[in-house]
Amino acid sequence: MSIDMNFLPAVSVLSILFSSTVLASNFGDAELGKLKSPSCVFCHNPNGPTSQPSYPDLNGQDPLYLYNAMRAYINDERSGPMAALMKAQLQNLSDEDLKDVAAFYSEQ
């Protein structure tokens, strides 16, 4: 049996896309994230526009992106006028907490 070499790249791409979708859907617990994000909602409204136009809208974002962004604030890898505030808000959350918050906002 021979395999068409043009077929392999398509299978590889589909495998990667499918695995990313599965991972994203299993990333954190959105219900727990809702409970863990009471201070987040003042700026990042999960039910509509943010409280200030300069604040990013987190609703519907990729959970891995949100998780990595929060980790970057905690690790001083992000700068800007709100970086210190973000670090202070996030520093007491565990890795699992961050994943739950990311899952919550990604599902809004």
PDB file of N, CA and C in Angstrom:
ATOM      1  N   MET A   1       0.843  -1.168   0.000  1.00  0.00           N
ATOM      2  CA  MET A   1       0.000   0.000   0.000  1.00  0.00           C
ATOM      3  C   MET A   1       0.892   1.236   0.000  1.00  0.00           C
ATOM      4  N   SER A   2       0.632   2.157  -0.905  1.00  0.00           N
ATOM      5  CA  SER A   2       1.415   3.386  -0.962  1.00  0.00           C
ATOM      6  C   SER A   2       0.565   4.554  -0.468  1.00  0.00           C
ATOM      7  N   ILE A   3       1.244   5.525   0.121  1.00  0.00           N
ATOM      8  CA  ILE A   3       0.561   6.707   0.652  1.00  0.00           C
ATOM      9  C   ILE A   3       0.896   7.885  -0.240  1.00  0.00           C
ATOM     10  N   ASP A   4      -0.124   8.590  -0.666  1.00  0.00           N
ATOM     11  CA  ASP A   4       0.057   9.789  -1.480  1.00  0.00           C
ATOM     12  C   ASP A   4       0.723  10.861  -0.607  1.00  0.00           C
ATOM     13  N   MET A   5       1.895  11.315  -0.982  1.00  0.00           N
ATOM     14  CA  MET A   5       2.654  12.274  -0.183  1.00  0.00           C
ATOM     15  C   MET A   5       1.970  13.637  -0.111  1.00  0.00           C
ATOM     16  N   ASN A   6       1.086  13.953  -1.045  1.00  0.00           N
ATOM     17  CA  ASN A   6       0.347  15.212  -0.987  1.00  0.00           C
ATOM     18  C   ASN A   6      -0.737  15.165   0.095  1.00  0.00           C
ATOM     19  N   PHE A   7      -1.106  14.001   0.498  1.00  0.00           N
ATOM     20  CA  PHE A   7      -2.150  13.802   1.491  1.00  0.00           C
ATOM     21  C   PHE A   7      -1.640  14.042   2.919  1.00  0.00           C
ATOM     22  N   LEU A   8      -0.373  13.762   3.170  1.00  0.00           N
ATOM     23  CA  LEU A   8       0.187  13.855   4.521  1.00  0.00           C
ATOM     24  C   LEU A   8       0.137  15.259   5.122  1.00  0.00           C
ATOM     25  N   PRO A   9       0.492  16.321   4.382  1.00  0.00           N
ATOM     26  CA  PRO A   9       0.405  17.657   4.995  1.00  0.00           C
ATOM     27  C   PRO A   9      -1.018  18.015   5.423  1.00  0.00           C
ATOM     28  N   ALA A  10      -1.999  17.634   4.622  1.00  0.00           N
ATOM     29  CA  ALA A  10      -3.385  17.935   4.975  1.00  0.00           C
ATOM     30  C   ALA A  10      -3.791  17.206   6.253  1.00  0.00           C
ATOM     31  N   VAL A  11      -3.390  15.967   6.384  1.00  0.00           N
ATOM     32  CA  VAL A  11      -3.703  15.197   7.588  1.00  0.00           C
ATOM     33  C   VAL A  11      -3.011  15.817   8.798  1.00  0.00           C
ATOM     34  N   SER A  12      -1.785  16.264   8.630  1.00  0.00           N
ATOM     35  CA  SER A  12      -1.047  16.883   9.733  1.00  0.00           C
ATOM     36  C   SER A  12      -1.734  18.153  10.208  1.00  0.00           C
ATOM     37  N   VAL A  13      -2.137  18.994   9.280  1.00  0.00           N
ATOM     38  CA  VAL A  13      -2.808  20.248   9.632  1.00  0.00           C
ATOM     39  C   VAL A  13      -4.122  19.962  10.349  1.00  0.00           C
ATOM     40  N   LEU A  14      -4.903  19.041   9.830  1.00  0.00           N
ATOM     41  CA  LEU A  14      -6.174  18.698  10.470  1.00  0.00           C
ATOM     42  C   LEU A  14      -5.964  18.136  11.873  1.00  0.00           C
ATOM     43  N   SER A  15      -4.928  17.349  12.050  1.00  0.00           N
ATOM     44  CA  SER A  15      -4.631  16.794  13.376  1.00  0.00           C
ATOM     45  C   SER A  15      -4.298  17.895  14.370  1.00  0.00           C
ATOM     46  N   ILE A  16      -3.509  18.853  13.945  1.00  0.00           N
ATOM     47  CA  ILE A  16      -3.133  19.967  14.815  1.00  0.00           C
ATOM     48  C   ILE A  16      -4.353  20.804  15.166  1.00  0.00           C
ATOM     49  N   LEU A  17      -5.175  21.120  14.171  1.00  0.00           N
ATOM     50  CA  LEU A  17      -6.369  21.920  14.422  1.00  0.00           C
ATOM     51  C   LEU A  17      -7.322  21.208  15.369  1.00  0.00           C
ATOM     52  N   PHE A  18      -7.524  19.929  15.164  1.00  0.00           N
ATOM     53  CA  PHE A  18      -8.430  19.179  16.023  1.00  0.00           C
ATOM     54  C   PHE A  18      -7.906  19.112  17.451  1.00  0.00           C
ATOM     55  N   SER A  19      -6.619  18.870  17.615  1.00  0.00           N
ATOM     56  CA  SER A  19      -6.065  18.769  18.966  1.00  0.00           C
ATOM     57  C   SER A  19      -6.129  20.112  19.676  1.00  0.00           C
ATOM     58  N   SER A  20      -5.953  21.228  18.964  1.00  0.00           N
ATOM     59  CA  SER A  20      -6.053  22.554  19.572  1.00  0.00           C
ATOM     60  C   SER A  20      -7.470  22.810  20.051  1.00  0.00           C
ATOM     61  N   THR A  21      -8.448  22.405  19.262  1.00  0.00           N
ATOM     62  CA  THR A  21      -9.840  22.592  19.648  1.00  0.00           C
ATOM     63  C   THR A  21     -10.162  21.783  20.893  1.00  0.00           C
ATOM     64  N   VAL A  22      -9.707  20.569  20.937  1.00  0.00           N
ATOM     65  CA  VAL A  22      -9.957  19.720  22.102  1.00  0.00           C
ATOM     66  C   VAL A  22      -9.285  20.309  23.334  1.00  0.00           C
ATOM     67  N   LEU A  23      -8.042  20.761  23.206  1.00  0.00           N
ATOM     68  CA  LEU A  23      -7.334  21.335  24.345  1.00  0.00           C
ATOM     69  C   LEU A  23      -8.025  22.587  24.848  1.00  0.00           C
ATOM     70  N   ALA A  24      -8.471  23.451  23.935  1.00  0.00           N
ATOM     71  CA  ALA A  24      -9.127  24.688  24.342  1.00  0.00           C
ATOM     72  C   ALA A  24     -10.418  24.401  25.089  1.00  0.00           C
ATOM     73  N   SER A  25     -11.163  23.401  24.656  1.00  0.00           N
ATOM     74  CA  SER A  25     -12.430  23.108  25.318  1.00  0.00           C
ATOM     75  C   SER A  25     -12.213  22.498  26.703  1.00  0.00           C
ATOM     76  N   ASN A  26     -11.053  21.941  26.979  1.00  0.00           N
ATOM     77  CA  ASN A  26     -10.750  21.353  28.279  1.00  0.00           C
ATOM     78  C   ASN A  26      -9.858  22.252  29.125  1.00  0.00           C
ATOM     79  N   PHE A  27      -9.760  23.507  28.781  1.00  0.00           N
ATOM     80  CA  PHE A  27      -8.851  24.430  29.438  1.00  0.00           C
ATOM     81  C   PHE A  27      -9.575  25.151  30.571  1.00  0.00           C
ATOM     82  N   GLY A  28      -9.429  24.683  31.780  1.00  0.00           N
ATOM     83  CA  GLY A  28     -10.025  25.351  32.923  1.00  0.00           C
ATOM     84  C   GLY A  28     -11.517  25.106  33.038  1.00  0.00           C
ATOM     85  N   ASP A  29     -12.078  25.584  34.134  1.00  0.00           N
ATOM     86  CA  ASP A  29     -13.496  25.436  34.437  1.00  0.00           C
ATOM     87  C   ASP A  29     -14.130  26.823  34.437  1.00  0.00           C
ATOM     88  N   ALA A  30     -14.969  27.089  33.449  1.00  0.00           N
ATOM     89  CA  ALA A  30     -15.562  28.419  33.292  1.00  0.00           C
ATOM     90  C   ALA A  30     -16.433  28.809  34.487  1.00  0.00           C
ATOM     91  N   GLU A  31     -17.159  27.860  35.046  1.00  0.00           N
ATOM     92  CA  GLU A  31     -18.014  28.165  36.208  1.00  0.00           C
ATOM     93  C   GLU A  31     -17.166  28.590  37.408  1.00  0.00           C
ATOM     94  N   LEU A  32     -16.068  27.880  37.637  1.00  0.00           N
ATOM     95  CA  LEU A  32     -15.161  28.283  38.714  1.00  0.00           C
ATOM     96  C   LEU A  32     -14.500  29.611  38.385  1.00  0.00           C
ATOM     97  N   GLY A  33     -14.179  29.818  37.105  1.00  0.00           N
ATOM     98  CA  GLY A  33     -13.573  31.074  36.686  1.00  0.00           C
ATOM     99  C   GLY A  33     -14.457  32.270  36.967  1.00  0.00           C
ATOM    100  N   LYS A  34     -15.751  32.089  36.811  1.00  0.00           N
ATOM    101  CA  LYS A  34     -16.703  33.167  37.122  1.00  0.00           C
ATOM    102  C   LYS A  34     -16.610  33.536  38.600  1.00  0.00           C
ATOM    103  N   LEU A  35     -16.492  32.534  39.447  1.00  0.00           N
ATOM    104  CA  LEU A  35     -16.390  32.770  40.890  1.00  0.00           C
ATOM    105  C   LEU A  35     -15.046  33.376  41.287  1.00  0.00           C
ATOM    106  N   LYS A  36     -14.013  33.099  40.504  1.00  0.00           N
ATOM    107  CA  LYS A  36     -12.657  33.547  40.838  1.00  0.00           C
ATOM    108  C   LYS A  36     -12.304  34.904  40.237  1.00  0.00           C
ATOM    109  N   SER A  37     -13.228  35.510  39.504  1.00  0.00           N
ATOM    110  CA  SER A  37     -12.890  36.750  38.801  1.00  0.00           C
ATOM    111  C   SER A  37     -13.705  37.960  39.252  1.00  0.00           C
ATOM    112  N   PRO A  38     -14.044  38.087  40.542  1.00  0.00           N
ATOM    113  CA  PRO A  38     -14.874  39.233  40.927  1.00  0.00           C
ATOM    114  C   PRO A  38     -14.193  40.580  40.715  1.00  0.00           C
ATOM    115  N   SER A  39     -12.888  40.651  40.880  1.00  0.00           N
ATOM    116  CA  SER A  39     -12.219  41.938  40.673  1.00  0.00           C
ATOM    117  C   SER A  39     -11.976  42.217  39.192  1.00  0.00           C
ATOM    118  N   CYS A  40     -11.995  41.188  38.361  1.00  0.00           N
ATOM    119  CA  CYS A  40     -11.768  41.363  36.919  1.00  0.00           C
ATOM    120  C   CYS A  40     -12.938  42.077  36.246  1.00  0.00           C
ATOM    121  N   VAL A  41     -14.157  41.765  36.720  1.00  0.00           N
ATOM    122  CA  VAL A  41     -15.357  42.219  36.021  1.00  0.00           C
ATOM    123  C   VAL A  41     -15.560  43.726  36.091  1.00  0.00           C
ATOM    124  N   PHE A  42     -14.914  44.402  37.020  1.00  0.00           N
ATOM    125  CA  PHE A  42     -15.062  45.851  37.094  1.00  0.00           C
ATOM    126  C   PHE A  42     -14.483  46.543  35.867  1.00  0.00           C
ATOM    127  N   CYS A  43     -13.443  45.991  35.304  1.00  0.00           N
ATOM    128  CA  CYS A  43     -12.821  46.560  34.103  1.00  0.00           C
ATOM    129  C   CYS A  43     -13.165  45.758  32.852  1.00  0.00           C
ATOM    130  N   HIS A  44     -13.183  44.431  32.988  1.00  0.00           N
ATOM    131  CA  HIS A  44     -13.405  43.529  31.850  1.00  0.00           C
ATOM    132  C   HIS A  44     -14.799  42.909  31.980  1.00  0.00           C
ATOM    133  N   ASN A  45     -15.802  43.678  31.595  1.00  0.00           N
ATOM    134  CA  ASN A  45     -17.199  43.274  31.737  1.00  0.00           C
ATOM    135  C   ASN A  45     -17.493  42.010  30.928  1.00  0.00           C
ATOM    136  N   PRO A  46     -17.900  40.930  31.571  1.00  0.00           N
ATOM    137  CA  PRO A  46     -18.204  39.709  30.817  1.00  0.00           C
ATOM    138  C   PRO A  46     -19.548  39.766  30.088  1.00  0.00           C
ATOM    139  N   ASN A  47     -20.339  40.813  30.354  1.00  0.00           N
ATOM    140  CA  ASN A  47     -21.670  40.918  29.756  1.00  0.00           C
ATOM    141  C   ASN A  47     -21.801  42.018  28.717  1.00  0.00           C
ATOM    142  N   GLY A  48     -20.694  42.616  28.338  1.00  0.00           N
ATOM    143  CA  GLY A  48     -20.774  43.703  27.367  1.00  0.00           C
ATOM    144  C   GLY A  48     -19.453  44.420  27.247  1.00  0.00           C
ATOM    145  N   PRO A  49     -19.524  45.696  26.861  1.00  0.00           N
ATOM    146  CA  PRO A  49     -18.286  46.461  26.658  1.00  0.00           C
ATOM    147  C   PRO A  49     -17.506  46.653  27.959  1.00  0.00           C
ATOM    148  N   THR A  50     -16.214  46.856  27.812  1.00  0.00           N
ATOM    149  CA  THR A  50     -15.361  47.108  28.975  1.00  0.00           C
ATOM    150  C   THR A  50     -15.720  48.453  29.594  1.00  0.00           C
ATOM    151  N   SER A  51     -15.305  48.675  30.833  1.00  0.00           N
ATOM    152  CA  SER A  51     -15.657  49.911  31.529  1.00  0.00           C
ATOM    153  C   SER A  51     -14.944  51.133  30.952  1.00  0.00           C
ATOM    154  N   GLN A  52     -13.822  50.933  30.301  1.00  0.00           N
ATOM    155  CA  GLN A  52     -13.079  52.006  29.628  1.00  0.00           C
ATOM    156  C   GLN A  52     -12.696  51.518  28.237  1.00  0.00           C
ATOM    157  N   PRO A  53     -12.780  52.371  27.238  1.00  0.00           N
ATOM    158  CA  PRO A  53     -12.429  51.926  25.882  1.00  0.00           C
ATOM    159  C   PRO A  53     -10.992  51.417  25.750  1.00  0.00           C
ATOM    160  N   SER A  54     -10.102  51.870  26.619  1.00  0.00           N
ATOM    161  CA  SER A  54      -8.701  51.437  26.525  1.00  0.00           C
ATOM    162  C   SER A  54      -8.467  50.057  27.147  1.00  0.00           C
ATOM    163  N   TYR A  55      -9.438  49.529  27.891  1.00  0.00           N
ATOM    164  CA  TYR A  55      -9.294  48.200  28.491  1.00  0.00           C
ATOM    165  C   TYR A  55      -9.645  47.139  27.459  1.00  0.00           C
ATOM    166  N   PRO A  56      -8.859  46.085  27.363  1.00  0.00           N
ATOM    167  CA  PRO A  56      -9.149  45.054  26.357  1.00  0.00           C
ATOM    168  C   PRO A  56     -10.416  44.263  26.684  1.00  0.00           C
ATOM    169  N   ASP A  57     -11.144  43.935  25.641  1.00  0.00           N
ATOM    170  CA  ASP A  57     -12.324  43.083  25.755  1.00  0.00           C
ATOM    171  C   ASP A  57     -11.838  41.639  25.760  1.00  0.00           C
ATOM    172  N   LEU A  58     -12.034  40.938  26.845  1.00  0.00           N
ATOM    173  CA  LEU A  58     -11.553  39.562  26.983  1.00  0.00           C
ATOM    174  C   LEU A  58     -12.566  38.530  26.495  1.00  0.00           C
ATOM    175  N   ASN A  59     -13.790  38.964  26.291  1.00  0.00           N
ATOM    176  CA  ASN A  59     -14.863  38.042  25.928  1.00  0.00           C
ATOM    177  C   ASN A  59     -14.586  37.346  24.602  1.00  0.00           C
ATOM    178  N   GLY A  60     -14.662  36.015  24.631  1.00  0.00           N
ATOM    179  CA  GLY A  60     -14.483  35.226  23.419  1.00  0.00           C
ATOM    180  C   GLY A  60     -13.045  35.015  22.991  1.00  0.00           C
ATOM    181  N   GLN A  61     -12.096  35.504  23.776  1.00  0.00           N
ATOM    182  CA  GLN A  61     -10.684  35.323  23.432  1.00  0.00           C
ATOM    183  C   GLN A  61     -10.274  33.867  23.662  1.00  0.00           C
ATOM    184  N   ASP A  62      -9.210  33.470  23.001  1.00  0.00           N
ATOM    185  CA  ASP A  62      -8.658  32.130  23.169  1.00  0.00           C
ATOM    186  C   ASP A  62      -8.187  31.956  24.616  1.00  0.00           C
ATOM    187  N   PRO A  63      -8.580  30.877  25.286  1.00  0.00           N
ATOM    188  CA  PRO A  63      -8.200  30.722  26.694  1.00  0.00           C
ATOM    189  C   PRO A  63      -6.694  30.614  26.916  1.00  0.00           C
ATOM    190  N   LEU A  64      -5.987  29.988  26.001  1.00  0.00           N
ATOM    191  CA  LEU A  64      -4.535  29.887  26.153  1.00  0.00           C
ATOM    192  C   LEU A  64      -3.890  31.263  26.037  1.00  0.00           C
ATOM    193  N   TYR A  65      -4.382  32.090  25.127  1.00  0.00           N
ATOM    194  CA  TYR A  65      -3.882  33.465  24.999  1.00  0.00           C
ATOM    195  C   TYR A  65      -4.110  34.223  26.310  1.00  0.00           C
ATOM    196  N   LEU A  66      -5.325  34.130  26.865  1.00  0.00           N
ATOM    197  CA  LEU A  66      -5.632  34.839  28.109  1.00  0.00           C
ATOM    198  C   LEU A  66      -4.755  34.348  29.256  1.00  0.00           C
ATOM    199  N   TYR A  67      -4.596  33.047  29.351  1.00  0.00           N
ATOM    200  CA  TYR A  67      -3.745  32.468  30.400  1.00  0.00           C
ATOM    201  C   TYR A  67      -2.310  32.987  30.268  1.00  0.00           C
ATOM    202  N   ASN A  68      -1.766  32.936  29.055  1.00  0.00           N
ATOM    203  CA  ASN A  68      -0.388  33.397  28.836  1.00  0.00           C
ATOM    204  C   ASN A  68      -0.246  34.886  29.121  1.00  0.00           C
ATOM    205  N   ALA A  69      -1.257  35.671  28.792  1.00  0.00           N
ATOM    206  CA  ALA A  69      -1.213  37.109  29.074  1.00  0.00           C
ATOM    207  C   ALA A  69      -1.183  37.353  30.583  1.00  0.00           C
ATOM    208  N   MET A  70      -2.013  36.624  31.312  1.00  0.00           N
ATOM    209  CA  MET A  70      -2.018  36.789  32.774  1.00  0.00           C
ATOM    210  C   MET A  70      -0.685  36.355  33.379  1.00  0.00           C
ATOM    211  N   ARG A  71      -0.127  35.245  32.905  1.00  0.00           N
ATOM    212  CA  ARG A  71       1.184  34.795  33.392  1.00  0.00           C
ATOM    213  C   ARG A  71       2.246  35.854  33.087  1.00  0.00           C
ATOM    214  N   ALA A  72       2.153  36.475  31.925  1.00  0.00           N
ATOM    215  CA  ALA A  72       3.128  37.502  31.545  1.00  0.00           C
ATOM    216  C   ALA A  72       3.056  38.703  32.493  1.00  0.00           C
ATOM    217  N   TYR A  73       1.856  39.107  32.896  1.00  0.00           N
ATOM    218  CA  TYR A  73       1.744  40.194  33.877  1.00  0.00           C
ATOM    219  C   TYR A  73       2.384  39.789  35.200  1.00  0.00           C
ATOM    220  N   ILE A  74       2.107  38.597  35.652  1.00  0.00           N
ATOM    221  CA  ILE A  74       2.659  38.120  36.921  1.00  0.00           C
ATOM    222  C   ILE A  74       4.184  38.072  36.875  1.00  0.00           C
ATOM    223  N   ASN A  75       4.743  37.682  35.737  1.00  0.00           N
ATOM    224  CA  ASN A  75       6.195  37.527  35.579  1.00  0.00           C
ATOM    225  C   ASN A  75       6.896  38.793  35.097  1.00  0.00           C
ATOM    226  N   ASP A  76       6.204  39.932  35.137  1.00  0.00           N
ATOM    227  CA  ASP A  76       6.765  41.222  34.692  1.00  0.00           C
ATOM    228  C   ASP A  76       7.232  41.193  33.243  1.00  0.00           C
ATOM    229  N   GLU A  77       6.558  40.427  32.407  1.00  0.00           N
ATOM    230  CA  GLU A  77       6.898  40.346  30.990  1.00  0.00           C
ATOM    231  C   GLU A  77       6.005  41.246  30.140  1.00  0.00           C
ATOM    232  N   ARG A  78       5.066  41.908  30.763  1.00  0.00           N
ATOM    233  CA  ARG A  78       4.206  42.869  30.074  1.00  0.00           C
ATOM    234  C   ARG A  78       4.395  44.211  30.745  1.00  0.00           C
ATOM    235  N   SER A  79       4.403  45.247  29.926  1.00  0.00           N
ATOM    236  CA  SER A  79       4.562  46.588  30.469  1.00  0.00           C
ATOM    237  C   SER A  79       3.378  47.435  30.029  1.00  0.00           C
ATOM    238  N   GLY A  80       3.328  48.616  30.538  1.00  0.00           N
ATOM    239  CA  GLY A  80       2.247  49.526  30.193  1.00  0.00           C
ATOM    240  C   GLY A  80       1.678  50.160  31.444  1.00  0.00           C
ATOM    241  N   PRO A  81       0.778  51.108  31.249  1.00  0.00           N
ATOM    242  CA  PRO A  81       0.261  51.856  32.395  1.00  0.00           C
ATOM    243  C   PRO A  81      -0.519  51.005  33.404  1.00  0.00           C
ATOM    244  N   MET A  82      -1.057  49.874  32.987  1.00  0.00           N
ATOM    245  CA  MET A  82      -1.856  49.040  33.886  1.00  0.00           C
ATOM    246  C   MET A  82      -1.126  47.771  34.340  1.00  0.00           C
ATOM    247  N   ALA A  83       0.131  47.617  33.960  1.00  0.00           N
ATOM    248  CA  ALA A  83       0.861  46.377  34.255  1.00  0.00           C
ATOM    249  C   ALA A  83       0.983  46.118  35.757  1.00  0.00           C
ATOM    250  N   ALA A  84       1.303  47.135  36.535  1.00  0.00           N
ATOM    251  CA  ALA A  84       1.452  46.945  37.982  1.00  0.00           C
ATOM    252  C   ALA A  84       0.114  46.576  38.621  1.00  0.00           C
ATOM    253  N   LEU A  85      -0.957  47.215  38.180  1.00  0.00           N
ATOM    254  CA  LEU A  85      -2.284  46.897  38.702  1.00  0.00           C
ATOM    255  C   LEU A  85      -2.681  45.467  38.348  1.00  0.00           C
ATOM    256  N   MET A  86      -2.415  45.077  37.105  1.00  0.00           N
ATOM    257  CA  MET A  86      -2.745  43.714  36.680  1.00  0.00           C
ATOM    258  C   MET A  86      -1.958  42.687  37.497  1.00  0.00           C
ATOM    259  N   LYS A  87      -0.682  42.949  37.711  1.00  0.00           N
ATOM    260  CA  LYS A  87       0.135  42.022  38.498  1.00  0.00           C
ATOM    261  C   LYS A  87      -0.427  41.892  39.911  1.00  0.00           C
ATOM    262  N   ALA A  88      -0.789  43.016  40.513  1.00  0.00           N
ATOM    263  CA  ALA A  88      -1.339  42.993  41.867  1.00  0.00           C
ATOM    264  C   ALA A  88      -2.652  42.206  41.924  1.00  0.00           C
ATOM    265  N   GLN A  89      -3.475  42.345  40.898  1.00  0.00           N
ATOM    266  CA  GLN A  89      -4.752  41.632  40.869  1.00  0.00           C
ATOM    267  C   GLN A  89      -4.567  40.128  40.680  1.00  0.00           C
ATOM    268  N   LEU A  90      -3.534  39.740  39.954  1.00  0.00           N
ATOM    269  CA  LEU A  90      -3.350  38.339  39.566  1.00  0.00           C
ATOM    270  C   LEU A  90      -2.410  37.541  40.465  1.00  0.00           C
ATOM    271  N   GLN A  91      -1.566  38.210  41.227  1.00  0.00           N
ATOM    272  CA  GLN A  91      -0.471  37.522  41.913  1.00  0.00           C
ATOM    273  C   GLN A  91      -0.910  36.466  42.922  1.00  0.00           C
ATOM    274  N   ASN A  92      -2.109  36.551  43.452  1.00  0.00           N
ATOM    275  CA  ASN A  92      -2.550  35.555  44.438  1.00  0.00           C
ATOM    276  C   ASN A  92      -3.349  34.413  43.826  1.00  0.00           C
ATOM    277  N   LEU A  93      -3.473  34.400  42.505  1.00  0.00           N
ATOM    278  CA  LEU A  93      -4.201  33.324  41.835  1.00  0.00           C
ATOM    279  C   LEU A  93      -3.238  32.201  41.457  1.00  0.00           C
ATOM    280  N   SER A  94      -3.672  30.978  41.661  1.00  0.00           N
ATOM    281  CA  SER A  94      -2.864  29.815  41.269  1.00  0.00           C
ATOM    282  C   SER A  94      -2.937  29.622  39.759  1.00  0.00           C
ATOM    283  N   ASP A  95      -2.119  28.732  39.246  1.00  0.00           N
ATOM    284  CA  ASP A  95      -2.158  28.399  37.823  1.00  0.00           C
ATOM    285  C   ASP A  95      -3.547  27.893  37.425  1.00  0.00           C
ATOM    286  N   GLU A  96      -4.129  27.062  38.273  1.00  0.00           N
ATOM    287  CA  GLU A  96      -5.472  26.533  37.982  1.00  0.00           C
ATOM    288  C   GLU A  96      -6.508  27.652  38.004  1.00  0.00           C
ATOM    289  N   ASP A  97      -6.362  28.602  38.935  1.00  0.00           N
ATOM    290  CA  ASP A  97      -7.257  29.756  38.974  1.00  0.00           C
ATOM    291  C   ASP A  97      -7.177  30.540  37.668  1.00  0.00           C
ATOM    292  N   LEU A  98      -5.957  30.768  37.194  1.00  0.00           N
ATOM    293  CA  LEU A  98      -5.768  31.515  35.947  1.00  0.00           C
ATOM    294  C   LEU A  98      -6.424  30.792  34.779  1.00  0.00           C
ATOM    295  N   LYS A  99      -6.289  29.483  34.736  1.00  0.00           N
ATOM    296  CA  LYS A  99      -6.919  28.702  33.667  1.00  0.00           C
ATOM    297  C   LYS A  99      -8.438  28.792  33.755  1.00  0.00           C
ATOM    298  N   ASP A 100      -8.970  28.773  34.961  1.00  0.00           N
ATOM    299  CA  ASP A 100     -10.414  28.877  35.133  1.00  0.00           C
ATOM    300  C   ASP A 100     -10.923  30.248  34.687  1.00  0.00           C
ATOM    301  N   VAL A 101     -10.224  31.306  35.069  1.00  0.00           N
ATOM    302  CA  VAL A 101     -10.611  32.657  34.654  1.00  0.00           C
ATOM    303  C   VAL A 101     -10.523  32.777  33.133  1.00  0.00           C
ATOM    304  N   ALA A 102      -9.472  32.230  32.549  1.00  0.00           N
ATOM    305  CA  ALA A 102      -9.323  32.256  31.087  1.00  0.00           C
ATOM    306  C   ALA A 102     -10.475  31.512  30.415  1.00  0.00           C
ATOM    307  N   ALA A 103     -10.858  30.367  30.968  1.00  0.00           N
ATOM    308  CA  ALA A 103     -11.980  29.599  30.407  1.00  0.00           C
ATOM    309  C   ALA A 103     -13.276  30.393  30.511  1.00  0.00           C
ATOM    310  N   PHE A 104     -13.479  31.068  31.637  1.00  0.00           N
ATOM    311  CA  PHE A 104     -14.684  31.870  31.830  1.00  0.00           C
ATOM    312  C   PHE A 104     -14.802  32.948  30.755  1.00  0.00           C
ATOM    313  N   TYR A 105     -13.748  33.748  30.590  1.00  0.00           N
ATOM    314  CA  TYR A 105     -13.822  34.832  29.609  1.00  0.00           C
ATOM    315  C   TYR A 105     -13.885  34.310  28.176  1.00  0.00           C
ATOM    316  N   SER A 106     -13.256  33.199  27.905  1.00  0.00           N
ATOM    317  CA  SER A 106     -13.284  32.671  26.533  1.00  0.00           C
ATOM    318  C   SER A 106     -14.685  32.218  26.134  1.00  0.00           C
ATOM    319  N   GLU A 107     -15.515  31.880  27.113  1.00  0.00           N
ATOM    320  CA  GLU A 107     -16.869  31.411  26.821  1.00  0.00           C
ATOM    321  C   GLU A 107     -17.907  32.528  26.809  1.00  0.00           C
ATOM    322  N   GLN A 108     -17.480  33.760  27.055  1.00  0.00           N
ATOM    323  CA  GLN A 108     -18.438  34.880  27.064  1.00  0.00           C
ATOM    324  C   GLN A 108     -18.669  35.405  25.663  1.00  0.00           C
TER     325      GLN A 108
END
